Amino acid sequence: MKYIASDYWEPYESIIPKGKHIQTKAETVTVEGYNSLFRHFLARMRRKSKCYSKKMEMLKLSFFLLIHYRNGNLSILY
């Protein structure tokens, strides 16, 4: 990992090494967008939900299906 990008929350400065830390919203906006997408479409990623993943494999498969569906790569669902 070349660098770690974060927003401007001060505690990050004490945890992440200065040589690898970049504070910018330009690098975090994409990640935040994907996090929002996952929470919107996957009940297992929402807080205070009865739908949650009991196995890591099911969580990985849920992400896989959502991304391929959003990219138009799942012809079986059309």
N, C-alpha and C. Protein backbone atom coordinates (compact mmCIF):
# COMPACT_ATOMS: atom_id res chain seq x y z
N MET A 1 0.84 -1.16 0.00
CA MET A 1 0.00 0.00 0.00
C MET A 1 0.90 1.23 0.00
N LYS A 2 0.73 2.06 -1.02
CA LYS A 2 1.57 3.26 -1.14
C LYS A 2 1.16 4.36 -0.19
N TYR A 3 -0.15 4.58 -0.06
CA TYR A 3 -0.63 5.64 0.82
C TYR A 3 -2.02 5.31 1.34
N ILE A 4 -2.43 6.01 2.38
CA ILE A 4 -3.74 5.86 2.97
C ILE A 4 -4.42 7.22 2.90
N ALA A 5 -5.58 7.27 2.26
CA ALA A 5 -6.31 8.53 2.12
C ALA A 5 -7.42 8.58 3.15
N SER A 6 -7.60 9.73 3.75
CA SER A 6 -8.68 9.93 4.71
C SER A 6 -9.20 11.36 4.59
N ASP A 7 -10.31 11.59 5.29
CA ASP A 7 -10.79 12.97 5.33
C ASP A 7 -10.00 13.73 6.40
N TYR A 8 -10.50 14.86 6.81
CA TYR A 8 -9.73 15.75 7.69
C TYR A 8 -10.03 15.55 9.18
N TRP A 9 -10.50 14.38 9.56
CA TRP A 9 -10.77 14.11 10.97
C TRP A 9 -9.44 13.99 11.70
N GLU A 10 -9.24 14.78 12.73
CA GLU A 10 -7.93 14.91 13.39
C GLU A 10 -7.35 13.61 13.96
N PRO A 11 -8.11 12.71 14.57
CA PRO A 11 -7.50 11.51 15.14
C PRO A 11 -6.75 10.63 14.13
N TYR A 12 -7.07 10.73 12.85
CA TYR A 12 -6.35 9.94 11.84
C TYR A 12 -4.86 10.28 11.84
N GLU A 13 -4.54 11.54 12.11
CA GLU A 13 -3.14 11.97 12.09
C GLU A 13 -2.29 11.26 13.14
N SER A 14 -2.89 10.88 14.25
CA SER A 14 -2.13 10.20 15.30
C SER A 14 -2.02 8.70 15.08
N ILE A 15 -2.85 8.14 14.21
CA ILE A 15 -2.87 6.69 13.98
C ILE A 15 -2.09 6.30 12.72
N ILE A 16 -2.25 7.06 11.65
CA ILE A 16 -1.65 6.72 10.35
C ILE A 16 -0.28 7.38 10.23
N PRO A 17 0.74 6.64 9.80
CA PRO A 17 2.08 7.23 9.64
C PRO A 17 2.06 8.42 8.67
N LYS A 18 2.77 9.47 9.01
CA LYS A 18 2.75 10.71 8.22
C LYS A 18 3.23 10.52 6.78
N GLY A 19 4.19 9.64 6.54
CA GLY A 19 4.70 9.42 5.20
C GLY A 19 3.70 8.76 4.26
N LYS A 20 2.71 8.05 4.81
CA LYS A 20 1.72 7.35 4.00
C LYS A 20 0.35 8.01 4.02
N HIS A 21 0.17 9.05 4.82
CA HIS A 21 -1.15 9.64 5.03
C HIS A 21 -1.40 10.82 4.11
N ILE A 22 -2.51 10.77 3.38
CA ILE A 22 -2.96 11.87 2.55
C ILE A 22 -4.36 12.25 3.01
N GLN A 23 -4.56 13.51 3.36
CA GLN A 23 -5.88 13.98 3.77
C GLN A 23 -6.50 14.76 2.63
N THR A 24 -7.51 14.18 2.01
CA THR A 24 -8.20 14.82 0.90
C THR A 24 -9.55 14.16 0.67
N LYS A 25 -10.55 14.94 0.36
CA LYS A 25 -11.86 14.40 0.02
C LYS A 25 -11.87 13.82 -1.39
N ALA A 26 -10.98 14.28 -2.25
CA ALA A 26 -10.93 13.80 -3.63
C ALA A 26 -10.65 12.31 -3.70
N GLU A 27 -9.89 11.78 -2.75
CA GLU A 27 -9.54 10.36 -2.75
C GLU A 27 -10.56 9.51 -2.00
N THR A 28 -11.39 10.11 -1.17
CA THR A 28 -12.33 9.33 -0.37
C THR A 28 -13.75 9.34 -0.91
N VAL A 29 -14.06 10.22 -1.84
CA VAL A 29 -15.44 10.35 -2.32
C VAL A 29 -15.91 9.08 -3.02
N THR A 30 -15.05 8.39 -3.76
CA THR A 30 -15.45 7.16 -4.45
C THR A 30 -15.78 6.06 -3.45
N VAL A 31 -14.95 5.90 -2.44
CA VAL A 31 -15.19 4.88 -1.43
C VAL A 31 -16.49 5.15 -0.69
N GLU A 32 -16.71 6.40 -0.33
CA GLU A 32 -17.94 6.76 0.37
C GLU A 32 -19.16 6.51 -0.51
N GLY A 33 -19.03 6.73 -1.80
CA GLY A 33 -20.12 6.46 -2.73
C GLY A 33 -20.46 4.98 -2.80
N TYR A 34 -19.44 4.14 -2.84
CA TYR A 34 -19.67 2.69 -2.85
C TYR A 34 -20.27 2.23 -1.52
N ASN A 35 -19.79 2.76 -0.41
CA ASN A 35 -20.37 2.40 0.88
C ASN A 35 -21.85 2.74 0.93
N SER A 36 -22.22 3.89 0.40
CA SER A 36 -23.61 4.29 0.35
C SER A 36 -24.42 3.36 -0.53
N LEU A 37 -23.87 2.97 -1.67
CA LEU A 37 -24.55 2.04 -2.58
C LEU A 37 -24.80 0.70 -1.90
N PHE A 38 -23.79 0.17 -1.22
CA PHE A 38 -23.94 -1.12 -0.54
C PHE A 38 -25.00 -1.05 0.55
N ARG A 39 -24.99 0.02 1.35
CA ARG A 39 -25.98 0.15 2.42
C ARG A 39 -27.39 0.29 1.86
N HIS A 40 -27.52 0.95 0.71
CA HIS A 40 -28.83 1.15 0.11
C HIS A 40 -29.42 -0.16 -0.40
N PHE A 41 -28.62 -0.97 -1.10
CA PHE A 41 -29.14 -2.15 -1.76
C PHE A 41 -29.02 -3.45 -0.96
N LEU A 42 -28.12 -3.52 0.00
CA LEU A 42 -27.91 -4.75 0.75
C LEU A 42 -28.36 -4.56 2.20
N ALA A 43 -29.43 -5.25 2.59
CA ALA A 43 -29.95 -5.13 3.96
C ALA A 43 -28.90 -5.56 4.97
N ARG A 44 -28.05 -6.49 4.62
CA ARG A 44 -27.04 -6.98 5.57
C ARG A 44 -25.98 -5.92 5.87
N MET A 45 -25.94 -4.81 5.13
CA MET A 45 -24.96 -3.76 5.39
C MET A 45 -25.58 -2.57 6.14
N ARG A 46 -26.88 -2.64 6.43
CA ARG A 46 -27.53 -1.54 7.16
C ARG A 46 -27.37 -1.74 8.66
N ARG A 47 -27.37 -0.68 9.37
CA ARG A 47 -27.30 -0.77 10.83
C ARG A 47 -28.68 -1.08 11.39
N LYS A 48 -28.70 -1.68 12.54
CA LYS A 48 -29.94 -2.01 13.26
C LYS A 48 -30.89 -2.82 12.39
N SER A 49 -30.38 -3.83 11.74
CA SER A 49 -31.18 -4.65 10.86
C SER A 49 -31.17 -6.09 11.36
N LYS A 50 -32.25 -6.81 11.12
CA LYS A 50 -32.29 -8.23 11.46
C LYS A 50 -31.62 -9.07 10.37
N CYS A 51 -31.40 -8.47 9.22
CA CYS A 51 -30.72 -9.16 8.13
C CYS A 51 -29.23 -8.91 8.26
N TYR A 52 -28.49 -9.92 8.62
CA TYR A 52 -27.05 -9.76 8.75
C TYR A 52 -26.37 -11.03 8.28
N SER A 53 -25.12 -10.92 7.93
CA SER A 53 -24.36 -12.06 7.42
C SER A 53 -23.81 -12.88 8.58
N LYS A 54 -24.12 -14.16 8.56
CA LYS A 54 -23.56 -15.06 9.56
C LYS A 54 -22.24 -15.64 9.06
N LYS A 55 -22.05 -15.62 7.75
CA LYS A 55 -20.81 -16.15 7.17
C LYS A 55 -20.21 -15.10 6.23
N MET A 56 -18.88 -14.99 6.28
CA MET A 56 -18.17 -14.03 5.44
C MET A 56 -18.40 -14.34 3.96
N GLU A 57 -18.50 -15.63 3.63
CA GLU A 57 -18.69 -16.02 2.22
C GLU A 57 -20.00 -15.46 1.66
N MET A 58 -21.07 -15.43 2.46
CA MET A 58 -22.34 -14.88 1.99
C MET A 58 -22.24 -13.37 1.77
N LEU A 59 -21.50 -12.69 2.63
CA LEU A 59 -21.29 -11.26 2.45
C LEU A 59 -20.52 -10.99 1.16
N LYS A 60 -19.46 -11.76 0.90
CA LYS A 60 -18.69 -11.61 -0.34
C LYS A 60 -19.55 -11.87 -1.56
N LEU A 61 -20.37 -12.91 -1.51
CA LEU A 61 -21.24 -13.23 -2.65
C LEU A 61 -22.28 -12.14 -2.88
N SER A 62 -22.78 -11.54 -1.82
CA SER A 62 -23.75 -10.44 -1.96
C SER A 62 -23.13 -9.25 -2.67
N PHE A 63 -21.90 -8.89 -2.28
CA PHE A 63 -21.19 -7.82 -2.96
C PHE A 63 -20.98 -8.16 -4.43
N PHE A 64 -20.54 -9.38 -4.69
CA PHE A 64 -20.28 -9.85 -6.05
C PHE A 64 -21.54 -9.71 -6.92
N LEU A 65 -22.67 -10.20 -6.42
CA LEU A 65 -23.91 -10.13 -7.19
C LEU A 65 -24.34 -8.69 -7.44
N LEU A 66 -24.25 -7.84 -6.42
CA LEU A 66 -24.66 -6.44 -6.59
C LEU A 66 -23.80 -5.73 -7.62
N ILE A 67 -22.49 -5.89 -7.55
CA ILE A 67 -21.60 -5.21 -8.49
C ILE A 67 -21.83 -5.71 -9.91
N HIS A 68 -21.97 -7.00 -10.08
CA HIS A 68 -22.20 -7.51 -11.43
C HIS A 68 -23.58 -7.12 -11.96
N TYR A 69 -24.56 -7.05 -11.09
CA TYR A 69 -25.89 -6.59 -11.51
C TYR A 69 -25.83 -5.13 -11.95
N ARG A 70 -25.16 -4.28 -11.15
CA ARG A 70 -25.06 -2.86 -11.48
C ARG A 70 -24.26 -2.61 -12.75
N ASN A 71 -23.31 -3.51 -13.06
CA ASN A 71 -22.51 -3.38 -14.29
C ASN A 71 -23.18 -4.02 -15.50
N GLY A 72 -24.34 -4.64 -15.30
CA GLY A 72 -25.06 -5.26 -16.41
C GLY A 72 -24.47 -6.58 -16.85
N ASN A 73 -23.75 -7.27 -15.96
CA ASN A 73 -23.10 -8.53 -16.31
C ASN A 73 -23.89 -9.77 -15.89
N LEU A 74 -25.07 -9.60 -15.29
CA LEU A 74 -25.84 -10.75 -14.86
C LEU A 74 -27.04 -10.92 -15.79
N SER A 75 -26.89 -11.71 -16.81
CA SER A 75 -27.96 -11.90 -17.79
C SER A 75 -29.09 -12.77 -17.24
N ILE A 76 -28.85 -13.57 -16.20
CA ILE A 76 -29.89 -14.46 -15.68
C ILE A 76 -30.98 -13.69 -14.95
N LEU A 77 -30.73 -12.45 -14.56
CA LEU A 77 -31.73 -11.66 -13.83
C LEU A 77 -32.59 -10.79 -14.75
N TYR A 78 -32.39 -10.85 -16.05
CA TYR A 78 -33.17 -10.01 -16.97
C TYR A 78 -34.31 -10.75 -17.57
